N, C-alpha and C. Protein backbone atom coordinates (compact mmCIF):
# COMPACT_ATOMS: atom_id res chain seq x y z
N UNK A 1 -89.06 -19.23 -36.99
CA UNK A 1 -87.98 -19.66 -37.85
C UNK A 1 -87.63 -18.51 -38.79
N UNK A 2 -86.39 -18.16 -38.82
CA UNK A 2 -85.94 -17.03 -39.63
C UNK A 2 -85.24 -17.54 -40.88
N UNK A 3 -85.65 -16.97 -42.01
CA UNK A 3 -85.03 -17.36 -43.28
C UNK A 3 -84.32 -16.14 -43.86
N UNK A 4 -83.10 -16.31 -44.22
CA UNK A 4 -82.33 -15.26 -44.86
C UNK A 4 -82.21 -15.58 -46.34
N UNK A 5 -82.60 -14.61 -47.13
CA UNK A 5 -82.56 -14.81 -48.56
C UNK A 5 -81.60 -13.79 -49.17
N UNK A 6 -80.71 -14.26 -50.01
CA UNK A 6 -79.75 -13.39 -50.67
C UNK A 6 -80.29 -13.04 -52.06
N UNK A 7 -80.38 -11.76 -52.34
CA UNK A 7 -80.81 -11.30 -53.64
C UNK A 7 -79.62 -10.62 -54.29
N UNK A 8 -79.26 -11.11 -55.44
CA UNK A 8 -78.11 -10.52 -56.11
C UNK A 8 -78.59 -9.77 -57.35
N UNK A 9 -78.00 -8.61 -57.54
CA UNK A 9 -78.30 -7.81 -58.72
C UNK A 9 -77.00 -7.61 -59.48
N UNK A 10 -77.09 -7.58 -60.77
CA UNK A 10 -75.85 -7.35 -61.52
C UNK A 10 -75.36 -5.93 -61.32
N UNK A 11 -74.07 -5.79 -61.14
CA UNK A 11 -73.50 -4.45 -60.97
C UNK A 11 -73.37 -3.81 -62.34
N UNK A 12 -73.79 -2.56 -62.45
CA UNK A 12 -73.69 -1.91 -63.76
C UNK A 12 -72.24 -1.62 -64.10
N UNK A 13 -71.86 -2.02 -65.28
CA UNK A 13 -70.49 -1.73 -65.71
C UNK A 13 -70.50 -0.40 -66.45
N UNK A 14 -69.56 0.42 -66.12
CA UNK A 14 -69.45 1.74 -66.74
C UNK A 14 -68.44 1.63 -67.87
N UNK A 15 -68.94 1.77 -69.07
CA UNK A 15 -68.07 1.74 -70.25
C UNK A 15 -67.76 3.18 -70.64
N UNK A 16 -66.54 3.59 -70.36
CA UNK A 16 -66.16 4.98 -70.60
C UNK A 16 -66.20 5.35 -72.08
N UNK A 17 -65.88 4.40 -72.94
CA UNK A 17 -65.91 4.69 -74.37
C UNK A 17 -67.34 4.99 -74.83
N UNK A 18 -68.29 4.21 -74.37
CA UNK A 18 -69.69 4.43 -74.73
C UNK A 18 -70.19 5.74 -74.15
N UNK A 19 -69.82 6.03 -72.91
CA UNK A 19 -70.24 7.30 -72.30
C UNK A 19 -69.65 8.48 -73.06
N UNK A 20 -68.38 8.38 -73.48
CA UNK A 20 -67.73 9.46 -74.21
C UNK A 20 -68.40 9.67 -75.57
N UNK A 21 -68.75 8.57 -76.25
CA UNK A 21 -69.43 8.67 -77.54
C UNK A 21 -70.80 9.33 -77.39
N UNK A 22 -71.53 8.98 -76.34
CA UNK A 22 -72.84 9.60 -76.12
C UNK A 22 -72.69 11.08 -75.80
N UNK A 23 -71.68 11.43 -75.01
CA UNK A 23 -71.45 12.83 -74.66
C UNK A 23 -71.08 13.66 -75.88
N UNK A 24 -70.18 13.14 -76.71
CA UNK A 24 -69.80 13.89 -77.91
C UNK A 24 -70.96 14.00 -78.89
N UNK A 25 -71.77 12.96 -78.99
CA UNK A 25 -72.94 13.04 -79.88
C UNK A 25 -73.93 14.08 -79.38
N UNK A 26 -74.08 14.17 -78.05
CA UNK A 26 -74.99 15.15 -77.47
C UNK A 26 -74.48 16.57 -77.69
N UNK A 27 -73.18 16.76 -77.56
CA UNK A 27 -72.60 18.10 -77.75
C UNK A 27 -72.62 18.49 -79.23
N UNK A 28 -72.39 17.53 -80.12
CA UNK A 28 -72.32 17.83 -81.55
C UNK A 28 -73.69 18.04 -82.19
N UNK A 29 -74.75 17.57 -81.59
CA UNK A 29 -76.06 17.64 -82.26
C UNK A 29 -76.52 19.07 -82.53
N UNK A 30 -76.39 20.04 -81.61
CA UNK A 30 -76.77 21.41 -81.97
C UNK A 30 -75.86 22.02 -83.04
N UNK A 31 -74.57 21.67 -83.00
CA UNK A 31 -73.65 22.18 -83.99
C UNK A 31 -73.96 21.57 -85.35
N UNK A 32 -74.34 20.31 -85.37
CA UNK A 32 -74.73 19.66 -86.62
C UNK A 32 -75.98 20.32 -87.20
N UNK A 33 -76.92 20.66 -86.31
CA UNK A 33 -78.13 21.35 -86.78
C UNK A 33 -77.76 22.70 -87.39
N UNK A 34 -76.85 23.44 -86.74
CA UNK A 34 -76.40 24.72 -87.29
C UNK A 34 -75.65 24.54 -88.61
N UNK A 35 -74.89 23.45 -88.73
CA UNK A 35 -74.17 23.18 -89.97
C UNK A 35 -75.15 22.99 -91.12
N UNK A 36 -76.21 22.25 -90.88
CA UNK A 36 -77.22 22.04 -91.92
C UNK A 36 -77.92 23.36 -92.25
N UNK A 37 -78.23 24.17 -91.23
CA UNK A 37 -78.88 25.45 -91.46
C UNK A 37 -77.98 26.40 -92.25
N UNK A 38 -76.70 26.53 -91.82
CA UNK A 38 -75.78 27.41 -92.52
C UNK A 38 -75.53 26.93 -93.95
N UNK A 39 -75.50 25.62 -94.16
CA UNK A 39 -75.32 25.09 -95.51
C UNK A 39 -76.48 25.49 -96.41
N UNK A 40 -77.70 25.46 -95.86
CA UNK A 40 -78.84 25.85 -96.68
C UNK A 40 -78.85 27.36 -96.95
N UNK A 41 -78.38 28.15 -96.00
CA UNK A 41 -78.33 29.59 -96.19
C UNK A 41 -77.23 29.96 -97.20
N UNK A 42 -76.06 29.34 -97.08
CA UNK A 42 -74.94 29.66 -97.96
C UNK A 42 -75.10 29.05 -99.36
N UNK A 43 -75.89 28.01 -99.47
CA UNK A 43 -76.07 27.38 -100.76
C UNK A 43 -75.00 26.38 -101.11
N UNK A 44 -74.14 26.03 -100.15
CA UNK A 44 -73.13 25.00 -100.37
C UNK A 44 -72.94 24.22 -99.08
N UNK A 45 -72.41 23.02 -99.20
CA UNK A 45 -72.22 22.17 -98.03
C UNK A 45 -71.04 22.66 -97.22
N UNK A 46 -71.27 22.88 -95.93
CA UNK A 46 -70.21 23.33 -95.03
C UNK A 46 -69.77 22.17 -94.15
N UNK A 47 -68.51 22.18 -93.79
CA UNK A 47 -67.98 21.17 -92.87
C UNK A 47 -68.22 21.62 -91.43
N UNK A 48 -67.91 20.73 -90.50
CA UNK A 48 -68.06 21.06 -89.08
C UNK A 48 -67.09 22.18 -88.70
N UNK A 49 -65.88 22.17 -89.25
CA UNK A 49 -64.90 23.22 -88.96
C UNK A 49 -65.35 24.59 -89.47
N UNK A 50 -65.94 24.62 -90.66
CA UNK A 50 -66.44 25.88 -91.20
C UNK A 50 -67.61 26.41 -90.36
N UNK A 51 -68.42 25.49 -89.87
CA UNK A 51 -69.53 25.90 -89.00
C UNK A 51 -68.99 26.50 -87.70
N UNK A 52 -67.95 25.90 -87.15
CA UNK A 52 -67.35 26.44 -85.93
C UNK A 52 -66.72 27.81 -86.18
N UNK A 53 -66.18 28.03 -87.38
CA UNK A 53 -65.65 29.35 -87.72
C UNK A 53 -66.77 30.40 -87.76
N UNK A 54 -67.92 30.03 -88.31
CA UNK A 54 -69.05 30.96 -88.34
C UNK A 54 -69.56 31.26 -86.94
N UNK A 55 -69.62 30.25 -86.08
CA UNK A 55 -70.05 30.46 -84.70
C UNK A 55 -69.05 31.37 -83.98
N UNK A 56 -67.76 31.17 -84.23
CA UNK A 56 -66.72 32.02 -83.64
C UNK A 56 -66.91 33.47 -84.07
N UNK A 57 -67.20 33.69 -85.35
CA UNK A 57 -67.40 35.05 -85.85
C UNK A 57 -68.64 35.69 -85.21
N UNK A 58 -69.68 34.90 -85.02
CA UNK A 58 -70.88 35.45 -84.37
C UNK A 58 -70.61 35.81 -82.92
N UNK A 59 -69.89 34.96 -82.21
CA UNK A 59 -69.57 35.28 -80.81
C UNK A 59 -68.66 36.51 -80.73
N UNK A 60 -67.74 36.64 -81.66
CA UNK A 60 -66.87 37.82 -81.68
C UNK A 60 -67.68 39.08 -81.95
N UNK A 61 -68.65 39.00 -82.86
CA UNK A 61 -69.48 40.16 -83.14
C UNK A 61 -70.30 40.56 -81.92
N UNK A 62 -70.90 39.58 -81.25
CA UNK A 62 -71.70 39.88 -80.06
C UNK A 62 -70.81 40.49 -78.98
N UNK A 63 -69.60 39.97 -78.82
CA UNK A 63 -68.69 40.51 -77.80
C UNK A 63 -68.24 41.92 -78.14
N UNK A 64 -68.11 42.24 -79.42
CA UNK A 64 -67.65 43.57 -79.82
C UNK A 64 -68.77 44.59 -79.85
N UNK A 65 -69.98 44.17 -80.18
CA UNK A 65 -71.06 45.14 -80.42
C UNK A 65 -71.90 45.44 -79.19
N UNK A 66 -72.18 44.46 -78.38
CA UNK A 66 -73.21 44.67 -77.36
C UNK A 66 -72.74 45.22 -76.01
N UNK A 67 -71.63 44.79 -75.43
CA UNK A 67 -71.29 45.34 -74.11
C UNK A 67 -70.81 46.80 -74.20
N UNK A 68 -71.69 47.73 -73.89
CA UNK A 68 -71.39 49.15 -74.06
C UNK A 68 -70.50 49.69 -72.94
N UNK A 69 -70.44 49.04 -71.80
CA UNK A 69 -69.70 49.59 -70.67
C UNK A 69 -68.33 48.91 -70.48
N UNK A 70 -67.80 48.30 -71.53
CA UNK A 70 -66.48 47.70 -71.43
C UNK A 70 -65.39 48.77 -71.46
N UNK A 71 -64.28 48.53 -70.80
CA UNK A 71 -63.15 49.44 -70.93
C UNK A 71 -62.62 49.42 -72.37
N UNK A 72 -61.91 50.44 -72.73
CA UNK A 72 -61.43 50.60 -74.10
C UNK A 72 -60.52 49.45 -74.52
N UNK A 73 -59.66 48.99 -73.64
CA UNK A 73 -58.74 47.91 -74.00
C UNK A 73 -59.49 46.61 -74.27
N UNK A 74 -60.54 46.36 -73.51
CA UNK A 74 -61.35 45.15 -73.74
C UNK A 74 -62.12 45.27 -75.05
N UNK A 75 -62.64 46.45 -75.33
CA UNK A 75 -63.36 46.66 -76.60
C UNK A 75 -62.42 46.49 -77.79
N UNK A 76 -61.18 47.00 -77.67
CA UNK A 76 -60.20 46.81 -78.73
C UNK A 76 -59.86 45.33 -78.92
N UNK A 77 -59.77 44.61 -77.81
CA UNK A 77 -59.52 43.16 -77.90
C UNK A 77 -60.65 42.43 -78.60
N UNK A 78 -61.90 42.81 -78.30
CA UNK A 78 -63.05 42.19 -78.95
C UNK A 78 -63.10 42.55 -80.43
N UNK A 79 -62.76 43.77 -80.76
CA UNK A 79 -62.73 44.17 -82.18
C UNK A 79 -61.63 43.44 -82.94
N UNK A 80 -60.49 43.24 -82.30
CA UNK A 80 -59.41 42.47 -82.91
C UNK A 80 -59.84 41.02 -83.14
N UNK A 81 -60.51 40.45 -82.14
CA UNK A 81 -61.04 39.09 -82.27
C UNK A 81 -62.03 39.02 -83.43
N UNK A 82 -62.89 40.02 -83.56
CA UNK A 82 -63.87 40.04 -84.65
C UNK A 82 -63.17 40.10 -86.01
N UNK A 83 -62.20 40.99 -86.14
CA UNK A 83 -61.49 41.10 -87.42
C UNK A 83 -60.74 39.82 -87.77
N UNK A 84 -60.11 39.21 -86.77
CA UNK A 84 -59.38 37.96 -87.01
C UNK A 84 -60.33 36.83 -87.41
N UNK A 85 -61.48 36.76 -86.75
CA UNK A 85 -62.43 35.69 -87.07
C UNK A 85 -63.06 35.90 -88.45
N UNK A 86 -63.31 37.16 -88.82
CA UNK A 86 -63.84 37.43 -90.16
C UNK A 86 -62.81 37.10 -91.24
N UNK A 87 -61.53 37.38 -90.97
CA UNK A 87 -60.50 37.02 -91.94
C UNK A 87 -60.40 35.50 -92.08
N UNK A 88 -60.50 34.78 -90.99
CA UNK A 88 -60.48 33.32 -91.05
C UNK A 88 -61.66 32.79 -91.85
N UNK A 89 -62.83 33.36 -91.63
CA UNK A 89 -64.01 32.94 -92.37
C UNK A 89 -63.83 33.20 -93.87
N UNK A 90 -63.28 34.35 -94.20
CA UNK A 90 -63.09 34.68 -95.62
C UNK A 90 -62.08 33.73 -96.26
N UNK A 91 -61.04 33.36 -95.53
CA UNK A 91 -60.02 32.48 -96.09
C UNK A 91 -60.48 31.02 -96.19
N UNK A 92 -61.25 30.54 -95.22
CA UNK A 92 -61.58 29.12 -95.13
C UNK A 92 -62.92 28.76 -95.78
N UNK A 93 -63.81 29.73 -95.94
CA UNK A 93 -65.13 29.39 -96.47
C UNK A 93 -65.25 29.89 -97.90
């Protein structure tokens, strides 16, 4: 005698809003940590935008200083990026 048994499992519902919130929280957590660190170093509370400006300036400095074998036009572009990011930092922070 053969018995067939149906087992039903609930289908997982994908909530895009919840997934998006978790993704943004995961991406923001290292930046939030840097914001707290930079705030303690600067001695004043920095916003998330000011923290992103500091990160931009650091990336511009690394791009301008370290690649020694870049063509001259690329090096000038990196130096321009560095000067622009430093001016933004001076104006906004």
